[in-house]
Amino acid sequence: MRNPILCIFAFLLCFSCVEKKVETVVDSNEKKVEQDSLGNFGIVIHGGAGTILKKNMSDSLEAAYKTKLKEAMKTGYEILKNGGSSIDAVEKTINILEDSPLFNSGKGAVFTNEGKNELDASIMDGKTLNAGAVAGVTTVKNPIDLARAVMEKSDHVMFAREGAEVFAKEQGLELVDPSYFYTENRMKALKRAQEREKVELDHDDKTAFYDPFIKDEKFGTVGCVALDKNGNLAAGTSTGGMTNKRWGRVGDSPIIGAGTYANNKTCAVSSTGWGEYFIRGVVAYDISAMMEYGGKSLSEAAVTVIQKKLPELGGSGGIIAMDNKGNVAMEFNTAGMYRATMNSEGELYIGIYGE
């Protein structure tokens, strides 16, 4: 009986070795696939959605928008190209848009009913699901910087108004006199809104103000989504909110899951539109959830949420998004959306109108 037992033992030993070798090969292949996916990167931005029509846009103003979108895009792209993080790319890209009076964020923010500029922003890290947001700040030059400080330098997710201002000062962020945010066209828009005795929604084509530069155009919220070479996603959004808003109104931009969301498992999203409906629909998270639990592609999820679910609620607007493979969605149900994207191959796309 000794020889048969030895034979069986030898057979089992050989089988075990073969099985282990197969497992090693499979593991090696998985690592190879993972390594192959690294190094891919991309970035996408928006500057608001609304009734943006070619017939109402002068050539010079269209060129100004495209130039600023390109500048913002190149800023984030260079960070990613040089191995920087998606969080850095998102923050620095949004800074460019916040500093431009062309957009309703930072320098170009709209006025409240009291004649103030109250700014909101949020940012999220897809790797850790950490997030930071601020609402109603009036002296912070770049609200997205403060949102990031809340995310990285505090145990909280959102700070508002005076508390956020105090935190910004403690963190050494650049503060400005509220007059820095004043622009004449935004003040004129406020006066027109007050004359009509209604609240104007910055993005909505039913209640939008008539801008002195573009008839029936809505300057909007800005946002950025990025994927870095390490496979990490991030998203950020910044806005001045609603013209003539009252009572400390806060829209979707600083709300994680509504205006901003990022998750390495699925995608990163930044929203622009009628904030109340984006909050009710938890739009940014809904797109991610449809991918994670419903097996939808980024494109399928974005179309379903923006073209079907949001309008059914009564809302309008759009989103930019990128999945963990670098696929991009720029979906909107309005006449236009300022948008741009650039991939790891250096291919740049800039769009304004519905196409």
Protein backbone atom coordinates (compact mmCIF):
# COMPACT_ATOMS: atom_id res chain seq x y z
CA MET A 1 0.00 0.00 0.00
CA ARG A 2 2.96 2.29 0.45
CA ASN A 3 3.61 2.78 -3.26
CA PRO A 4 0.01 3.74 -4.19
CA ILE A 5 -0.06 6.25 -1.30
CA LEU A 6 3.22 7.77 -2.45
CA CYS A 7 1.85 8.03 -6.00
CA ILE A 8 -1.29 9.80 -4.83
CA PHE A 9 0.75 12.19 -2.67
CA ALA A 10 3.06 12.98 -5.60
CA PHE A 11 0.08 13.62 -7.90
CA LEU A 12 -1.57 16.00 -5.44
CA LEU A 13 1.71 17.84 -4.96
CA CYS A 14 2.17 18.31 -8.71
CA PHE A 15 -1.47 19.48 -9.13
CA SER A 16 -1.02 21.99 -6.34
CA CYS A 17 2.09 23.40 -8.02
CA VAL A 18 0.32 23.70 -11.37
CA GLU A 19 -2.68 25.41 -9.76
CA LYS A 20 -0.42 27.85 -7.94
CA LYS A 21 1.42 28.58 -11.17
CA VAL A 22 -1.89 29.31 -12.95
CA GLU A 23 -2.97 31.60 -10.12
CA THR A 24 0.33 33.43 -10.39
CA VAL A 25 -0.14 33.93 -14.12
CA VAL A 26 -3.69 35.23 -13.65
CA ASP A 27 -2.54 37.61 -10.93
CA SER A 28 0.27 38.79 -13.17
CA ASN A 29 -2.17 39.44 -16.00
CA GLU A 30 -4.47 41.41 -13.69
CA LYS A 31 -1.57 43.55 -12.59
CA LYS A 32 -0.60 44.07 -16.23
CA VAL A 33 -4.11 45.23 -17.10
CA GLU A 34 -4.10 47.55 -14.09
CA GLN A 35 -0.72 48.96 -15.07
CA ASP A 36 -1.84 49.43 -18.66
CA SER A 37 -4.80 51.54 -17.46
CA LEU A 38 -2.53 53.80 -15.47
CA GLY A 39 -1.06 56.77 -17.27
CA ASN A 40 -4.35 57.62 -18.98
CA PHE A 41 -5.69 61.01 -17.97
CA GLY A 42 -8.17 63.65 -19.04
CA ILE A 43 -10.03 66.80 -18.04
CA VAL A 44 -13.40 68.37 -18.80
CA ILE A 45 -14.88 71.73 -17.79
CA HIS A 46 -18.14 73.67 -18.02
CA GLY A 47 -19.01 77.33 -17.68
CA GLY A 48 -22.76 77.06 -17.28
CA ALA A 49 -25.79 75.93 -19.29
CA GLY A 50 -28.77 77.88 -20.59
CA THR A 51 -30.30 79.54 -23.63
CA ILE A 52 -26.98 80.14 -25.36
CA LEU A 53 -27.70 80.84 -29.03
CA LYS A 54 -25.31 81.57 -31.87
CA LYS A 55 -27.56 84.35 -33.20
CA ASN A 56 -27.24 86.24 -29.92
CA MET A 57 -23.46 85.92 -29.62
CA SER A 58 -21.06 88.44 -31.10
CA ASP A 59 -17.92 87.09 -32.72
CA SER A 60 -15.71 88.93 -30.23
CA LEU A 61 -17.56 87.62 -27.19
CA GLU A 62 -17.60 84.07 -28.54
CA ALA A 63 -13.86 84.34 -29.04
CA ALA A 64 -13.44 85.63 -25.48
CA TYR A 65 -15.31 82.63 -24.07
CA LYS A 66 -13.35 80.16 -26.14
CA THR A 67 -10.06 81.77 -25.17
CA LYS A 68 -10.86 81.61 -21.47
CA LEU A 69 -12.12 78.03 -21.68
CA LYS A 70 -8.93 77.05 -23.50
CA GLU A 71 -6.77 78.80 -20.90
CA ALA A 72 -8.54 77.00 -18.08
CA MET A 73 -8.32 73.69 -19.90
CA LYS A 74 -4.60 74.01 -20.61
CA THR A 75 -3.94 74.90 -16.96
CA GLY A 76 -5.42 71.66 -15.68
CA TYR A 77 -4.06 69.61 -18.56
CA GLU A 78 -0.46 70.61 -17.85
CA ILE A 79 -0.84 69.58 -14.21
CA LEU A 80 -2.14 66.16 -15.23
CA LYS A 81 0.40 65.72 -18.01
CA ASN A 82 3.24 66.33 -15.54
CA GLY A 83 1.90 63.72 -13.12
CA GLY A 84 -0.04 66.06 -10.86
CA SER A 85 -3.17 65.03 -8.96
CA SER A 86 -6.71 65.36 -10.22
CA ILE A 87 -7.54 67.47 -7.14
CA ASP A 88 -4.82 69.98 -8.04
CA ALA A 89 -5.99 70.07 -11.65
CA VAL A 90 -9.61 70.69 -10.66
CA GLU A 91 -8.76 73.46 -8.20
CA LYS A 92 -6.35 75.35 -10.46
CA THR A 93 -8.60 75.05 -13.49
CA ILE A 94 -11.58 76.45 -11.60
CA ASN A 95 -9.39 79.29 -10.31
CA ILE A 96 -9.01 80.51 -13.90
CA LEU A 97 -12.78 80.57 -14.38
CA GLU A 98 -13.41 82.15 -10.97
CA ASP A 99 -11.05 85.01 -11.85
CA SER A 100 -12.90 85.79 -15.09
CA PRO A 101 -15.93 88.13 -15.16
CA LEU A 102 -17.34 86.04 -18.03
CA PHE A 103 -18.70 83.41 -15.66
CA ASN A 104 -21.01 83.42 -12.65
CA SER A 105 -18.39 82.44 -10.09
CA GLY A 106 -15.82 84.48 -8.22
CA LYS A 107 -15.19 87.76 -10.06
CA GLY A 108 -18.27 87.43 -12.25
CA ALA A 109 -20.75 86.41 -9.54
CA VAL A 110 -24.32 87.66 -9.68
CA PHE A 111 -25.89 89.83 -6.98
CA THR A 112 -28.35 88.89 -4.26
CA ASN A 113 -31.48 90.93 -3.50
CA GLU A 114 -29.39 92.90 -0.97
CA GLY A 115 -26.80 93.80 -3.59
CA LYS A 116 -24.18 91.33 -2.31
CA ASN A 117 -22.20 88.57 -3.98
CA GLU A 118 -22.60 85.30 -2.06
CA LEU A 119 -20.43 82.48 -3.35
CA ASP A 120 -20.74 78.70 -3.10
CA ALA A 121 -18.29 75.93 -4.03
CA SER A 122 -17.48 72.27 -3.46
CA ILE A 123 -14.80 69.74 -4.31
CA MET A 124 -14.55 65.94 -3.94
CA ASP A 125 -11.78 63.35 -4.09
CA GLY A 126 -12.84 60.15 -5.86
CA LYS A 127 -10.16 58.05 -4.19
CA THR A 128 -11.11 58.73 -0.57
CA LEU A 129 -14.65 60.11 -1.02
CA ASN A 130 -13.51 63.03 1.08
CA ALA A 131 -15.20 66.31 0.23
CA GLY A 132 -15.35 69.97 1.17
CA ALA A 133 -17.87 72.73 0.53
CA VAL A 134 -18.65 76.35 1.39
CA ALA A 135 -21.81 78.41 1.05
CA GLY A 136 -22.56 82.12 1.18
CA VAL A 137 -19.02 83.48 1.42
CA THR A 138 -18.49 87.13 0.49
CA THR A 139 -14.78 87.92 0.89
CA VAL A 140 -12.98 84.78 -0.32
CA LYS A 141 -11.38 85.48 -3.70
CA ASN A 142 -11.44 81.84 -4.81
CA PRO A 143 -14.17 79.81 -3.08
CA ILE A 144 -12.92 76.52 -4.55
CA ASP A 145 -9.68 77.00 -2.57
CA LEU A 146 -11.70 77.30 0.61
CA ALA A 147 -13.74 74.21 -0.26
CA ARG A 148 -10.51 72.26 -0.61
CA ALA A 149 -9.25 73.61 2.71
CA VAL A 150 -12.45 72.44 4.38
CA MET A 151 -11.89 68.99 2.86
CA GLU A 152 -8.24 68.67 3.84
CA LYS A 153 -7.84 70.86 6.93
CA SER A 154 -11.02 70.17 8.89
CA ASP A 155 -13.12 67.27 10.14
CA HIS A 156 -16.19 68.66 8.40
CA VAL A 157 -17.65 68.79 4.90
CA MET A 158 -19.41 72.16 4.72
CA PHE A 159 -18.91 75.58 6.27
CA ALA A 160 -21.29 78.49 5.65
CA ARG A 161 -21.24 82.27 5.73
CA GLU A 162 -19.39 83.87 8.70
CA GLY A 163 -17.97 80.58 9.92
CA ALA A 164 -16.54 79.82 6.51
CA GLU A 165 -15.01 83.31 6.38
CA VAL A 166 -13.30 82.82 9.75
CA PHE A 167 -11.94 79.46 8.65
CA ALA A 168 -10.63 81.01 5.41
CA LYS A 169 -8.75 83.64 7.39
CA GLU A 170 -7.28 81.01 9.71
CA GLN A 171 -6.07 79.04 6.69
CA GLY A 172 -4.37 82.07 5.21
CA LEU A 173 -6.47 82.12 2.04
CA GLU A 174 -6.66 85.28 -0.05
CA LEU A 175 -9.45 87.56 1.14
CA VAL A 176 -10.73 90.56 -0.79
CA ASP A 177 -13.07 93.48 -0.19
CA PRO A 178 -16.57 92.57 -1.43
CA SER A 179 -16.24 95.33 -4.03
CA TYR A 180 -13.79 93.04 -5.88
CA PHE A 181 -16.75 90.99 -7.13
CA TYR A 182 -18.66 93.98 -8.50
CA THR A 183 -19.32 94.03 -12.25
CA GLU A 184 -21.60 96.54 -13.90
CA ASN A 185 -23.51 94.07 -16.06
CA ARG A 186 -24.37 91.92 -13.03
CA MET A 187 -25.67 94.97 -11.15
CA LYS A 188 -27.82 95.93 -14.12
CA ALA A 189 -29.17 92.40 -14.20
CA LEU A 190 -30.13 92.68 -10.52
CA LYS A 191 -31.95 95.96 -11.08
CA ARG A 192 -33.91 94.50 -13.97
CA ALA A 193 -34.85 91.51 -11.84
CA GLN A 194 -36.02 93.72 -9.01
CA GLU A 195 -38.05 95.84 -11.41
CA ARG A 196 -39.88 92.76 -12.59
CA GLU A 197 -40.32 91.72 -8.96
CA LYS A 198 -39.26 88.16 -9.46
CA VAL A 199 -36.31 85.98 -8.66
CA GLU A 200 -34.30 85.20 -11.74
CA LEU A 201 -32.60 81.88 -12.00
CA ASP A 202 -29.15 82.26 -13.47
CA HIS A 203 -29.40 79.18 -15.68
CA ASP A 204 -33.11 78.85 -16.47
CA ASP A 205 -34.54 79.92 -19.81
CA LYS A 206 -37.96 80.63 -18.30
CA THR A 207 -36.79 83.13 -15.70
CA ALA A 208 -33.44 84.30 -17.00
CA PHE A 209 -32.34 87.90 -17.07
CA TYR A 210 -31.44 89.60 -20.35
CA ASP A 211 -27.74 90.14 -20.23
CA PRO A 212 -26.46 93.39 -21.81
CA PHE A 213 -23.97 91.38 -23.87
CA ILE A 214 -26.09 88.43 -24.98
CA LYS A 215 -29.85 88.48 -25.26
CA ASP A 216 -31.51 85.67 -23.31
CA GLU A 217 -28.18 84.15 -22.28
CA LYS A 218 -27.40 82.80 -18.85
CA PHE A 219 -23.93 83.09 -17.44
CA GLY A 220 -23.43 80.10 -15.24
CA THR A 221 -21.81 78.07 -12.62
CA VAL A 222 -18.35 76.69 -13.46
CA GLY A 223 -17.05 73.20 -12.87
CA CYS A 224 -14.23 70.80 -13.60
CA VAL A 225 -13.74 67.04 -13.57
CA ALA A 226 -10.37 65.32 -13.96
CA LEU A 227 -8.73 61.88 -14.07
CA ASP A 228 -5.02 61.77 -13.22
CA LYS A 229 -2.30 59.31 -14.24
CA ASN A 230 -2.75 57.37 -11.00
CA GLY A 231 -6.36 56.61 -11.89
CA ASN A 232 -7.87 59.04 -9.38
CA LEU A 233 -10.95 61.10 -10.18
CA ALA A 234 -11.92 64.48 -8.74
CA ALA A 235 -14.68 67.03 -9.30
CA GLY A 236 -15.31 70.62 -8.29
CA THR A 237 -18.00 73.27 -8.79
CA SER A 238 -18.12 77.02 -8.05
CA THR A 239 -20.93 79.57 -8.43
CA GLY A 240 -22.39 82.93 -7.53
CA GLY A 241 -25.83 81.38 -7.43
CA MET A 242 -29.08 83.06 -8.44
CA THR A 243 -29.62 86.70 -9.38
CA ASN A 244 -31.80 88.46 -6.78
CA LYS A 245 -31.76 85.46 -4.41
CA ARG A 246 -32.95 86.04 -0.85
CA TRP A 247 -33.03 84.46 2.58
CA GLY A 248 -29.57 82.94 2.32
CA ARG A 249 -30.66 80.70 -0.55
CA VAL A 250 -28.15 77.95 -1.40
CA GLY A 251 -28.30 75.96 -4.62
CA ASP A 252 -26.83 72.64 -5.66
CA SER A 253 -23.22 73.69 -6.29
CA PRO A 254 -21.98 73.16 -2.71
CA ILE A 255 -24.16 70.10 -2.15
CA ILE A 256 -22.18 66.85 -2.44
CA GLY A 257 -24.19 64.43 -4.54
CA ALA A 258 -26.21 67.16 -6.25
CA GLY A 259 -23.74 69.66 -7.70
CA THR A 260 -20.54 67.66 -7.25
CA TYR A 261 -19.65 64.00 -6.85
CA ALA A 262 -16.57 61.82 -7.44
CA ASN A 263 -15.96 58.12 -6.89
CA ASN A 264 -13.09 56.13 -8.39
CA LYS A 265 -15.42 53.13 -8.73
CA THR A 266 -17.56 54.96 -11.26
CA CYS A 267 -17.16 58.59 -12.29
CA ALA A 268 -16.82 62.24 -11.30
CA VAL A 269 -19.55 64.81 -12.04
CA SER A 270 -20.05 68.59 -11.90
CA SER A 271 -23.52 70.06 -12.45
CA THR A 272 -24.90 73.34 -13.76
CA GLY A 273 -28.53 74.31 -13.92
CA TRP A 274 -31.61 75.03 -11.84
CA GLY A 275 -30.15 74.09 -8.47
CA GLU A 276 -33.34 73.22 -6.64
CA TYR A 277 -34.06 70.43 -9.10
CA PHE A 278 -30.51 69.13 -9.06
CA ILE A 279 -30.78 68.87 -5.28
CA ARG A 280 -34.14 67.07 -5.43
CA GLY A 281 -32.82 64.66 -8.04
CA VAL A 282 -29.42 64.20 -6.37
CA VAL A 283 -28.24 64.44 -9.96
CA ALA A 284 -24.47 64.00 -9.63
CA TYR A 285 -24.76 60.96 -7.37
CA ASP A 286 -27.62 59.49 -9.38
CA ILE A 287 -25.38 59.20 -12.43
CA SER A 288 -22.73 57.39 -10.36
CA ALA A 289 -25.34 55.13 -8.73
CA MET A 290 -26.79 54.10 -12.08
CA MET A 291 -23.31 53.03 -13.12
CA GLU A 292 -22.43 51.23 -9.89
CA TYR A 293 -25.73 49.45 -9.20
CA GLY A 294 -27.40 49.42 -12.59
CA GLY A 295 -24.44 48.57 -14.78
CA LYS A 296 -25.00 51.59 -17.01
CA SER A 297 -22.20 53.23 -18.96
CA LEU A 298 -21.39 56.85 -18.18
CA SER A 299 -23.10 57.99 -21.37
CA GLU A 300 -26.23 55.96 -20.70
CA ALA A 301 -26.51 57.21 -17.13
CA ALA A 302 -25.94 60.85 -18.10
CA VAL A 303 -28.54 60.76 -20.85
CA THR A 304 -31.13 59.11 -18.61
CA VAL A 305 -30.66 61.60 -15.78
CA ILE A 306 -30.35 64.81 -17.80
CA GLN A 307 -32.70 64.10 -20.68
CA LYS A 308 -35.38 62.13 -18.83
CA LYS A 309 -35.34 62.24 -15.04
CA LEU A 310 -34.41 65.90 -14.56
CA PRO A 311 -36.98 67.28 -17.04
CA GLU A 312 -39.66 65.11 -15.46
CA LEU A 313 -38.99 66.95 -12.21
CA GLY A 314 -39.23 70.26 -14.04
CA GLY A 315 -35.52 71.07 -14.07
CA SER A 316 -33.11 72.15 -16.77
CA GLY A 317 -29.34 72.30 -17.06
CA GLY A 318 -26.45 69.97 -17.70
CA ILE A 319 -23.46 68.08 -16.39
CA ILE A 320 -19.90 67.25 -17.26
CA ALA A 321 -18.56 63.88 -16.18
CA MET A 322 -15.69 61.46 -16.66
CA ASP A 323 -15.51 57.79 -15.74
CA ASN A 324 -12.52 55.90 -14.37
CA LYS A 325 -11.41 54.95 -17.87
CA GLY A 326 -11.37 58.51 -19.16
CA ASN A 327 -14.66 58.44 -21.06
CA VAL A 328 -16.36 61.84 -21.08
CA ALA A 329 -20.00 62.98 -20.96
CA MET A 330 -21.11 66.58 -21.54
CA GLU A 331 -24.89 66.28 -21.39
CA PHE A 332 -27.38 69.18 -21.26
CA ASN A 333 -31.06 69.76 -22.00
CA THR A 334 -30.75 73.51 -22.65
CA ALA A 335 -29.88 75.32 -25.88
CA GLY A 336 -26.20 75.41 -24.99
CA MET A 337 -23.51 74.85 -22.40
CA TYR A 338 -20.00 76.32 -22.24
CA ARG A 339 -17.79 73.25 -22.21
CA ALA A 340 -14.38 71.91 -23.12
CA THR A 341 -12.41 68.70 -22.76
CA MET A 342 -8.91 67.44 -23.41
CA ASN A 343 -7.59 63.86 -23.32
CA SER A 344 -4.16 62.35 -22.73
CA GLU A 345 -3.45 62.56 -26.48
CA GLY A 346 -3.73 66.33 -26.29
CA GLU A 347 -6.95 66.44 -28.33
CA LEU A 348 -8.90 69.59 -27.41
CA TYR A 349 -12.63 70.17 -27.90
CA ILE A 350 -14.46 73.41 -27.09
CA GLY A 351 -18.24 73.77 -27.44
CA ILE A 352 -20.82 76.44 -26.68
CA TYR A 353 -24.03 75.69 -28.55
CA GLY A 354 -26.14 72.58 -28.91
CA GLU A 355 -24.55 70.40 -31.56
